[in-house]
C-alpha atoms as a PDB file:
ATOM      1  CA  MET A   1     -33.753 -22.112 -47.479  1.00  0.00           C
ATOM      2  CA  VAL A   2     -31.832 -24.366 -49.844  1.00  0.00           C
ATOM      3  CA  SER A   3     -32.608 -27.996 -49.067  1.00  0.00           C
ATOM      4  CA  ALA A   4     -29.545 -30.195 -48.664  1.00  0.00           C
ATOM      5  CA  ALA A   5     -31.563 -33.231 -49.728  1.00  0.00           C
ATOM      6  CA  ASN A   6     -32.425 -31.591 -53.050  1.00  0.00           C
ATOM      7  CA  THR A   7     -28.924 -30.375 -53.833  1.00  0.00           C
ATOM      8  CA  ALA A   8     -26.567 -33.040 -52.487  1.00  0.00           C
ATOM      9  CA  SER A   9     -26.703 -35.240 -55.581  1.00  0.00           C
ATOM     10  CA  ASP A  10     -27.708 -32.719 -58.257  1.00  0.00           C
ATOM     11  CA  PRO A  11     -25.262 -29.869 -58.914  1.00  0.00           C
ATOM     12  CA  TYR A  12     -27.602 -28.241 -61.428  1.00  0.00           C
ATOM     13  CA  LYS A  13     -30.447 -28.095 -58.919  1.00  0.00           C
ATOM     14  CA  LYS A  14     -27.995 -26.825 -56.316  1.00  0.00           C
ATOM     15  CA  ILE A  15     -26.972 -23.847 -58.465  1.00  0.00           C
ATOM     16  CA  GLU A  16     -30.609 -23.092 -59.310  1.00  0.00           C
ATOM     17  CA  GLU A  17     -31.721 -23.183 -55.674  1.00  0.00           C
ATOM     18  CA  VAL A  18     -28.732 -21.175 -54.439  1.00  0.00           C
ATOM     19  CA  THR A  19     -29.464 -18.579 -57.142  1.00  0.00           C
ATOM     20  CA  VAL A  20     -33.073 -18.253 -55.962  1.00  0.00           C
ATOM     21  CA  GLU A  21     -31.965 -17.869 -52.344  1.00  0.00           C
ATOM     22  CA  LEU A  22     -29.300 -15.349 -53.356  1.00  0.00           C
ATOM     23  CA  LEU A  23     -31.884 -13.242 -55.189  1.00  0.00           C
ATOM     24  CA  ASN A  24     -34.165 -13.397 -52.130  1.00  0.00           C
ATOM     25  CA  ILE A  25     -31.336 -12.131 -49.906  1.00  0.00           C
ATOM     26  CA  ILE A  26     -30.614  -9.270 -52.309  1.00  0.00           C
ATOM     27  CA  ALA A  27     -34.303  -8.329 -52.481  1.00  0.00           C
ATOM     28  CA  ALA A  28     -34.607  -8.392 -48.680  1.00  0.00           C
ATOM     29  CA  HIS A  29     -31.701  -5.944 -48.236  1.00  0.00           C
ATOM     30  CA  ARG A  30     -31.804  -3.752 -51.357  1.00  0.00           C
ATOM     31  CA  ASP A  31     -34.051  -1.008 -49.966  1.00  0.00           C
ATOM     32  CA  SER A  32     -32.244  -0.764 -46.617  1.00  0.00           C
ATOM     33  CA  TYR A  33     -28.704  -1.016 -47.993  1.00  0.00           C
ATOM     34  CA  PRO A  34     -26.131   0.261 -46.924  1.00  0.00           C
ATOM     35  CA  GLU A  35     -27.619   0.669 -43.432  1.00  0.00           C
ATOM     36  CA  THR A  36     -28.040  -3.112 -43.165  1.00  0.00           C
ATOM     37  CA  GLU A  37     -24.771  -3.967 -44.890  1.00  0.00           C
ATOM     38  CA  ALA A  38     -23.457  -6.094 -41.998  1.00  0.00           C
ATOM     39  CA  ALA A  39     -26.657  -8.183 -41.858  1.00  0.00           C
ATOM     40  CA  TYR A  40     -26.629  -8.509 -45.655  1.00  0.00           C
ATOM     41  CA  PHE A  41     -23.012  -9.730 -45.660  1.00  0.00           C
ATOM     42  CA  ASP A  42     -23.820 -12.167 -42.835  1.00  0.00           C
ATOM     43  CA  ARG A  43     -26.681 -13.707 -44.839  1.00  0.00           C
ATOM     44  CA  LEU A  44     -24.515 -13.953 -47.957  1.00  0.00           C
ATOM     45  CA  ASP A  45     -21.731 -15.534 -45.917  1.00  0.00           C
ATOM     46  CA  GLN A  46     -24.123 -18.133 -44.467  1.00  0.00           C
ATOM     47  CA  LEU A  47     -25.423 -19.018 -47.915  1.00  0.00           C
ATOM     48  CA  LEU A  48     -22.051 -19.161 -49.628  1.00  0.00           C
ATOM     49  CA  ALA A  49     -20.260 -21.003 -46.808  1.00  0.00           C
ATOM     50  CA  ALA A  50     -22.696 -23.892 -47.204  1.00  0.00           C
ATOM     51  CA  HIS A  51     -22.101 -24.208 -50.960  1.00  0.00           C
ATOM     52  CA  VAL A  52     -18.628 -22.843 -51.752  1.00  0.00           C
ATOM     53  CA  ASP A  53     -15.427 -24.662 -50.771  1.00  0.00           C
ATOM     54  CA  PHE A  54     -13.518 -21.575 -49.637  1.00  0.00           C
ATOM     55  CA  GLY A  55     -10.684 -23.679 -48.177  1.00  0.00           C
ATOM     56  CA  PHE A  56     -10.071 -25.427 -51.507  1.00  0.00           C
ATOM     57  CA  ILE A  57     -10.250 -22.138 -53.408  1.00  0.00           C
ATOM     58  CA  ALA A  58      -7.902 -20.375 -50.981  1.00  0.00           C
ATOM     59  CA  ARG A  59      -5.322 -23.177 -51.288  1.00  0.00           C
ATOM     60  CA  ASN A  60      -5.477 -22.898 -55.073  1.00  0.00           C
ATOM     61  CA  VAL A  61      -5.184 -19.117 -54.939  1.00  0.00           C
ATOM     62  CA  MET A  62      -2.082 -19.425 -52.744  1.00  0.00           C
ATOM     63  CA  GLY A  63      -0.527 -21.829 -55.253  1.00  0.00           C
ATOM     64  CA  SER A  64       3.031 -22.870 -54.376  1.00  0.00           C
ATOM     65  CA  TYR A  65       3.030 -20.406 -51.479  1.00  0.00           C
ATOM     66  CA  GLY A  66       0.300 -22.480 -49.871  1.00  0.00           C
ATOM     67  CA  ARG A  67       2.589 -25.476 -49.651  1.00  0.00           C
ATOM     68  CA  SER A  68       5.314 -23.483 -47.921  1.00  0.00           C
ATOM     69  CA  SER A  69       2.949 -21.644 -45.568  1.00  0.00           C
ATOM     70  CA  SER A  70       1.949 -22.797 -42.099  1.00  0.00           C
ATOM     71  CA  PRO A  71      -1.480 -24.299 -41.323  1.00  0.00           C
ATOM     72  CA  LYS A  72      -2.227 -21.090 -39.379  1.00  0.00           C
ATOM     73  CA  GLN A  73      -1.369 -18.933 -42.408  1.00  0.00           C
ATOM     74  CA  ARG A  74      -3.499 -21.085 -44.701  1.00  0.00           C
ATOM     75  CA  ALA A  75      -6.463 -20.898 -42.305  1.00  0.00           C
ATOM     76  CA  LEU A  76      -6.060 -17.136 -41.900  1.00  0.00           C
ATOM     77  CA  PHE A  77      -5.867 -16.616 -45.647  1.00  0.00           C
ATOM     78  CA  ALA A  78      -8.929 -18.813 -46.227  1.00  0.00           C
ATOM     79  CA  ARG A  79     -10.915 -16.672 -43.757  1.00  0.00           C
ATOM     80  CA  THR A  80      -9.544 -13.396 -45.133  1.00  0.00           C
ATOM     81  CA  PHE A  81     -10.241 -14.545 -48.682  1.00  0.00           C
ATOM     82  CA  ARG A  82     -13.783 -15.587 -47.773  1.00  0.00           C
ATOM     83  CA  ASP A  83     -14.537 -12.283 -46.006  1.00  0.00           C
ATOM     84  CA  GLY A  84     -13.165 -10.260 -48.910  1.00  0.00           C
ATOM     85  CA  LEU A  85     -15.014 -12.291 -51.503  1.00  0.00           C
ATOM     86  CA  VAL A  86     -18.345 -12.072 -49.652  1.00  0.00           C
ATOM     87  CA  GLU A  87     -18.018  -8.291 -49.300  1.00  0.00           C
ATOM     88  CA  THR A  88     -16.894  -7.709 -52.899  1.00  0.00           C
ATOM     89  CA  TYR A  89     -19.535 -10.071 -54.259  1.00  0.00           C
ATOM     90  CA  GLY A  90     -22.208  -8.537 -52.033  1.00  0.00           C
ATOM     91  CA  ARG A  91     -21.439  -4.980 -53.091  1.00  0.00           C
ATOM     92  CA  GLY A  92     -21.494  -6.016 -56.729  1.00  0.00           C
ATOM     93  CA  LEU A  93     -24.805  -7.836 -56.419  1.00  0.00           C
ATOM     94  CA  ILE A  94     -26.802  -5.317 -54.399  1.00  0.00           C
ATOM     95  CA  GLY A  95     -27.682  -3.397 -57.567  1.00  0.00           C
ATOM     96  CA  TYR A  96     -29.079  -6.497 -59.264  1.00  0.00           C
ATOM     97  CA  GLU A  97     -32.505  -5.701 -60.724  1.00  0.00           C
ATOM     98  CA  ASN A  98     -34.653  -6.747 -63.645  1.00  0.00           C
ATOM     99  CA  GLN A  99     -32.193  -9.244 -65.033  1.00  0.00           C
ATOM    100  CA  LYS A 100     -33.093 -12.848 -65.539  1.00  0.00           C
ATOM    101  CA  ILE A 101     -30.746 -15.670 -64.568  1.00  0.00           C
ATOM    102  CA  VAL A 102     -31.240 -18.730 -66.727  1.00  0.00           C
ATOM    103  CA  LEU A 103     -29.788 -22.215 -66.251  1.00  0.00           C
ATOM    104  CA  LEU A 104     -28.498 -23.440 -69.606  1.00  0.00           C
ATOM    105  CA  PRO A 105     -29.104 -27.000 -70.820  1.00  0.00           C
ATOM    106  CA  THR A 106     -27.400 -29.593 -68.670  1.00  0.00           C
ATOM    107  CA  GLU A 107     -25.489 -32.770 -69.365  1.00  0.00           C
ATOM    108  CA  PRO A 108     -26.461 -35.976 -67.558  1.00  0.00           C
ATOM    109  CA  LEU A 109     -24.048 -36.898 -64.792  1.00  0.00           C
ATOM    110  CA  VAL A 110     -21.981 -40.040 -65.191  1.00  0.00           C
ATOM    111  CA  LYS A 111     -21.788 -42.460 -62.266  1.00  0.00           C
ATOM    112  CA  GLY A 112     -18.760 -41.551 -60.152  1.00  0.00           C
ATOM    113  CA  GLN A 113     -18.376 -38.124 -61.769  1.00  0.00           C
ATOM    114  CA  ARG A 114     -16.650 -35.742 -59.339  1.00  0.00           C
ATOM    115  CA  LYS A 115     -16.417 -32.519 -61.390  1.00  0.00           C
ATOM    116  CA  VAL A 116     -19.050 -30.645 -63.354  1.00  0.00           C
ATOM    117  CA  THR A 117     -19.504 -27.242 -64.947  1.00  0.00           C
ATOM    118  CA  VAL A 118     -22.904 -25.632 -64.511  1.00  0.00           C
ATOM    119  CA  LYS A 119     -23.692 -22.832 -66.951  1.00  0.00           C
ATOM    120  CA  GLN A 120     -26.064 -19.917 -66.501  1.00  0.00           C
ATOM    121  CA  GLU A 121     -26.689 -16.628 -68.245  1.00  0.00           C
ATOM    122  CA  ILE A 122     -27.605 -13.283 -66.738  1.00  0.00           C
ATOM    123  CA  ARG A 123     -29.922 -11.698 -69.285  1.00  0.00           C
ATOM    124  CA  SER A 124     -30.941  -8.062 -69.308  1.00  0.00           C
ATOM    125  CA  ALA A 125     -32.648  -6.000 -71.964  1.00  0.00           C
ATOM    126  CA  ASP A 126     -29.256  -5.004 -73.384  1.00  0.00           C
ATOM    127  CA  ASN A 127     -26.766  -7.766 -72.563  1.00  0.00           C
ATOM    128  CA  VAL A 128     -26.187 -11.425 -71.864  1.00  0.00           C
ATOM    129  CA  TYR A 129     -23.429 -12.347 -69.397  1.00  0.00           C
ATOM    130  CA  PRO A 130     -22.371 -15.987 -69.251  1.00  0.00           C
ATOM    131  CA  LEU A 131     -21.634 -17.598 -65.876  1.00  0.00           C
ATOM    132  CA  GLU A 132     -19.912 -20.927 -65.333  1.00  0.00           C
ATOM    133  CA  TYR A 133     -19.642 -22.625 -61.966  1.00  0.00           C
ATOM    134  CA  THR A 134     -17.164 -25.448 -61.484  1.00  0.00           C
ATOM    135  CA  LEU A 135     -18.289 -27.847 -58.785  1.00  0.00           C
ATOM    136  CA  PHE A 136     -16.489 -30.815 -57.232  1.00  0.00           C
ATOM    137  CA  ARG A 137     -18.164 -33.620 -55.354  1.00  0.00           C
ATOM    138  CA  SER A 138     -16.645 -34.126 -51.927  1.00  0.00           C
ATOM    139  CA  LYS A 139     -15.262 -37.628 -51.327  1.00  0.00           C
ATOM    140  CA  LYS A 140     -16.214 -37.347 -47.652  1.00  0.00           C
ATOM    141  CA  THR A 141     -19.759 -36.015 -47.860  1.00  0.00           C
ATOM    142  CA  GLY A 142     -20.833 -36.554 -51.472  1.00  0.00           C
ATOM    143  CA  GLU A 143     -21.901 -32.888 -51.499  1.00  0.00           C
ATOM    144  CA  TRP A 144     -21.294 -30.788 -54.603  1.00  0.00           C
ATOM    145  CA  MET A 145     -19.317 -27.633 -53.744  1.00  0.00           C
ATOM    146  CA  VAL A 146     -18.473 -24.636 -55.913  1.00  0.00           C
ATOM    147  CA  VAL A 147     -14.711 -24.306 -56.444  1.00  0.00           C
ATOM    148  CA  ASN A 148     -14.525 -21.718 -59.235  1.00  0.00           C
ATOM    149  CA  VAL A 149     -16.603 -19.202 -61.150  1.00  0.00           C
ATOM    150  CA  VAL A 150     -16.075 -17.770 -64.621  1.00  0.00           C
ATOM    151  CA  ILE A 151     -18.053 -14.559 -65.207  1.00  0.00           C
ATOM    152  CA  ASN A 152     -18.264 -13.203 -68.740  1.00  0.00           C
ATOM    153  CA  GLY A 153     -15.076 -15.072 -69.651  1.00  0.00           C
ATOM    154  CA  ILE A 154     -13.125 -13.958 -66.560  1.00  0.00           C
ATOM    155  CA  ASN A 155     -11.872 -16.934 -64.551  1.00  0.00           C
ATOM    156  CA  LEU A 156     -12.005 -15.716 -60.949  1.00  0.00           C
ATOM    157  CA  GLY A 157      -9.788 -18.524 -59.647  1.00  0.00           C
ATOM    158  CA  LYS A 158      -6.991 -17.632 -62.067  1.00  0.00           C
ATOM    159  CA  THR A 159      -7.464 -13.910 -61.465  1.00  0.00           C
ATOM    160  CA  PHE A 160      -7.181 -14.292 -57.687  1.00  0.00           C
ATOM    161  CA  ARG A 161      -4.213 -16.629 -58.031  1.00  0.00           C
ATOM    162  CA  ASN A 162      -2.387 -14.108 -60.239  1.00  0.00           C
ATOM    163  CA  GLN A 163      -3.144 -11.366 -57.692  1.00  0.00           C
ATOM    164  CA  PHE A 164      -1.785 -13.514 -54.868  1.00  0.00           C
ATOM    165  CA  MET A 165       1.378 -14.400 -56.811  1.00  0.00           C
ATOM    166  CA  GLN A 166       2.028 -10.753 -57.698  1.00  0.00           C
ATOM    167  CA  SER A 167       1.499  -9.675 -54.083  1.00  0.00           C
ATOM    168  CA  ALA A 168       3.789 -12.442 -52.837  1.00  0.00           C
ATOM    169  CA  GLN A 169       6.496 -11.432 -55.294  1.00  0.00           C
ATOM    170  CA  ARG A 170       6.197  -7.732 -54.345  1.00  0.00           C
ATOM    171  CA  SER A 171       6.474  -8.639 -50.659  1.00  0.00           C
ATOM    172  CA  GLY A 172       9.509 -10.850 -51.179  1.00  0.00           C
ATOM    173  CA  GLY A 173       7.511 -13.955 -50.325  1.00  0.00           C
ATOM    174  CA  ASN A 174       6.201 -12.590 -47.010  1.00  0.00           C
ATOM    175  CA  ILE A 175       2.903 -14.503 -46.801  1.00  0.00           C
ATOM    176  CA  ASP A 176       1.800 -12.670 -43.644  1.00  0.00           C
ATOM    177  CA  LYS A 177       2.090  -9.368 -45.501  1.00  0.00           C
ATOM    178  CA  VAL A 178       0.138 -10.733 -48.470  1.00  0.00           C
ATOM    179  CA  ILE A 179      -2.628 -11.995 -46.181  1.00  0.00           C
ATOM    180  CA  SER A 180      -2.891  -8.749 -44.207  1.00  0.00           C
ATOM    181  CA  GLY A 181      -3.026  -6.746 -47.434  1.00  0.00           C
ATOM    182  CA  TRP A 182      -5.534  -9.025 -49.166  1.00  0.00           C
ATOM    183  CA  LEU A 183      -8.698  -7.271 -47.985  1.00  0.00           C
ATOM    184  CA  THR A 184      -7.456  -3.814 -48.957  1.00  0.00           C
ATOM    185  CA  SER A 185      -6.348  -5.034 -52.398  1.00  0.00           C
ATOM    186  CA  ALA A 186      -9.682  -6.796 -52.995  1.00  0.00           C
ATOM    187  CA  GLU A 187     -11.773  -3.720 -52.326  1.00  0.00           C
END
């Protein structure tokens, strides 16, 4: 289990430890997947919920529509977004084998720094895929939380935001329709 004491003040250590735990979850479910898909998604959700600021990400994905939506709509979208992301991420990761995930050299943190990018690479025999995690330090808790991921040059925050905006435009600004259709469009 990832230790909060070890990761609260060190975002680099946090990403390393979360990566190790993520790989352990994948290994524990790989042979029994898809029969244990629900348990696998539950474990991923528990891990990610502790280290990813889904509320912040969902608000950013909603963009200007988030400001005009109700608190209930924002909360529902955050949950829908989280569920969809965990399932999509989980399905994509279950085939992970024989690659190595390497933390790239880090920069020392500056006192009071609230944002940092942590870089990793997924290395296989044939390819290297860069990963970048953007983390913000919470003013309330001091905890570093993931707020965006860039995989192989694809900024997931921007991609999801563009998808939300396009869906909102197609639905004539009907946020409820966008939210209800989010899971089916993410799969």
